[in-house]
C-alpha atoms as a PDB file:
ATOM      1  CA  UNK A   1    -170.843 -51.672-186.755  1.00  0.00           C
ATOM      2  CA  UNK A   2    -167.530 -50.694-188.293  1.00  0.00           C
ATOM      3  CA  UNK A   3    -167.722 -52.617-191.563  1.00  0.00           C
ATOM      4  CA  UNK A   4    -166.305 -50.487-194.374  1.00  0.00           C
ATOM      5  CA  UNK A   5    -168.170 -52.237-197.199  1.00  0.00           C
ATOM      6  CA  UNK A   6    -170.507 -49.808-198.925  1.00  0.00           C
ATOM      7  CA  UNK A   7    -174.225 -50.315-198.537  1.00  0.00           C
ATOM      8  CA  UNK A   8    -176.101 -50.303-201.842  1.00  0.00           C
ATOM      9  CA  UNK A   9    -179.160 -48.067-201.897  1.00  0.00           C
ATOM     10  CA  UNK A  10    -181.657 -48.380-204.720  1.00  0.00           C
ATOM     11  CA  UNK A  11    -183.713 -45.276-205.502  1.00  0.00           C
ATOM     12  CA  UNK A  12    -187.124 -45.727-207.093  1.00  0.00           C
ATOM     13  CA  UNK A  13    -188.192 -42.358-208.459  1.00  0.00           C
ATOM     14  CA  UNK A  14    -187.898 -39.516-205.966  1.00  0.00           C
ATOM     15  CA  UNK A  15    -190.135 -41.010-203.280  1.00  0.00           C
ATOM     16  CA  UNK A  16    -188.699 -44.421-202.287  1.00  0.00           C
ATOM     17  CA  UNK A  17    -185.258 -45.741-201.288  1.00  0.00           C
ATOM     18  CA  UNK A  18    -184.318 -49.243-200.141  1.00  0.00           C
ATOM     19  CA  UNK A  19    -181.130 -50.995-199.068  1.00  0.00           C
ATOM     20  CA  UNK A  20    -179.988 -53.727-201.444  1.00  0.00           C
ATOM     21  CA  UNK A  21    -177.484 -55.306-199.099  1.00  0.00           C
ATOM     22  CA  UNK A  22    -177.878 -58.648-197.329  1.00  0.00           C
ATOM     23  CA  UNK A  23    -176.927 -57.046-194.019  1.00  0.00           C
ATOM     24  CA  UNK A  24    -179.354 -54.107-194.281  1.00  0.00           C
ATOM     25  CA  UNK A  25    -182.053 -55.725-196.411  1.00  0.00           C
ATOM     26  CA  UNK A  26    -185.505 -54.562-195.437  1.00  0.00           C
ATOM     27  CA  UNK A  27    -184.482 -51.057-194.420  1.00  0.00           C
ATOM     28  CA  UNK A  28    -186.358 -48.632-196.638  1.00  0.00           C
ATOM     29  CA  UNK A  29    -187.959 -45.207-196.588  1.00  0.00           C
ATOM     30  CA  UNK A  30    -190.531 -43.285-198.571  1.00  0.00           C
ATOM     31  CA  UNK A  31    -191.408 -39.638-199.011  1.00  0.00           C
ATOM     32  CA  UNK A  32    -189.764 -36.545-200.432  1.00  0.00           C
ATOM     33  CA  UNK A  33    -186.568 -36.985-198.363  1.00  0.00           C
ATOM     34  CA  UNK A  34    -186.406 -40.767-198.601  1.00  0.00           C
ATOM     35  CA  UNK A  35    -182.601 -41.004-198.843  1.00  0.00           C
ATOM     36  CA  UNK A  36    -182.159 -38.809-195.777  1.00  0.00           C
ATOM     37  CA  UNK A  37    -184.785 -40.816-193.877  1.00  0.00           C
ATOM     38  CA  UNK A  38    -183.136 -44.109-194.915  1.00  0.00           C
ATOM     39  CA  UNK A  39    -179.755 -42.856-193.686  1.00  0.00           C
ATOM     40  CA  UNK A  40    -181.300 -41.811-190.364  1.00  0.00           C
ATOM     41  CA  UNK A  41    -182.810 -45.309-190.039  1.00  0.00           C
ATOM     42  CA  UNK A  42    -179.362 -46.832-190.620  1.00  0.00           C
ATOM     43  CA  UNK A  43    -177.858 -44.602-187.911  1.00  0.00           C
ATOM     44  CA  UNK A  44    -180.677 -45.542-185.521  1.00  0.00           C
ATOM     45  CA  UNK A  45    -179.982 -49.227-186.259  1.00  0.00           C
ATOM     46  CA  UNK A  46    -176.358 -48.743-185.147  1.00  0.00           C
ATOM     47  CA  UNK A  47    -174.516 -48.460-188.456  1.00  0.00           C
ATOM     48  CA  UNK A  48    -171.324 -46.390-188.459  1.00  0.00           C
ATOM     49  CA  UNK A  49    -172.018 -42.912-189.854  1.00  0.00           C
ATOM     50  CA  UNK A  50    -168.768 -43.023-191.844  1.00  0.00           C
ATOM     51  CA  UNK A  51    -169.821 -46.149-193.707  1.00  0.00           C
ATOM     52  CA  UNK A  52    -170.234 -45.441-197.414  1.00  0.00           C
ATOM     53  CA  UNK A  53    -173.514 -45.561-199.298  1.00  0.00           C
ATOM     54  CA  UNK A  54    -173.559 -46.181-203.038  1.00  0.00           C
ATOM     55  CA  UNK A  55    -176.713 -44.889-204.717  1.00  0.00           C
ATOM     56  CA  UNK A  56    -178.281 -46.561-207.755  1.00  0.00           C
ATOM     57  CA  UNK A  57    -181.230 -45.634-209.940  1.00  0.00           C
ATOM     58  CA  UNK A  58    -182.441 -47.776-212.871  1.00  0.00           C
ATOM     59  CA  UNK A  59    -179.393 -50.041-212.543  1.00  0.00           C
ATOM     60  CA  UNK A  60    -176.905 -47.160-212.833  1.00  0.00           C
ATOM     61  CA  UNK A  61    -174.680 -45.862-210.053  1.00  0.00           C
ATOM     62  CA  UNK A  62    -175.584 -42.203-209.529  1.00  0.00           C
ATOM     63  CA  UNK A  63    -173.426 -41.287-206.553  1.00  0.00           C
ATOM     64  CA  UNK A  64    -171.585 -42.069-203.337  1.00  0.00           C
ATOM     65  CA  UNK A  65    -171.825 -40.554-199.894  1.00  0.00           C
ATOM     66  CA  UNK A  66    -171.588 -41.604-196.260  1.00  0.00           C
ATOM     67  CA  UNK A  67    -174.501 -42.509-194.036  1.00  0.00           C
ATOM     68  CA  UNK A  68    -173.789 -39.447-191.888  1.00  0.00           C
ATOM     69  CA  UNK A  69    -173.705 -37.011-194.831  1.00  0.00           C
ATOM     70  CA  UNK A  70    -176.890 -38.488-196.325  1.00  0.00           C
ATOM     71  CA  UNK A  71    -178.671 -38.174-192.976  1.00  0.00           C
ATOM     72  CA  UNK A  72    -177.760 -34.479-192.815  1.00  0.00           C
ATOM     73  CA  UNK A  73    -177.831 -33.178-196.370  1.00  0.00           C
ATOM     74  CA  UNK A  74    -180.048 -34.989-198.825  1.00  0.00           C
END
C-alpha cells in the first residue's frame, strides 16, 4: 500500500494505541510498547513502512513518525 496519507494513531495512556483511520480502523495494540507493536501490526498487514503516522493523545497532536521508525524505535 503506497498511500501517503498519514494514519492517525490515538494513544490512551501509556498502555494502549489504536488507529483512528477508516482504512486501518480496528488495528490496535496494548502493553508497554503499544506504539511499536501497533506499527509492527501495520507492517504485517502490508502498509508501506514509509507511510507517516500522526500520534494524538487527549485530542492533541503529540508527534509524527513513520510506520518503519515506530516499529523500530518506540
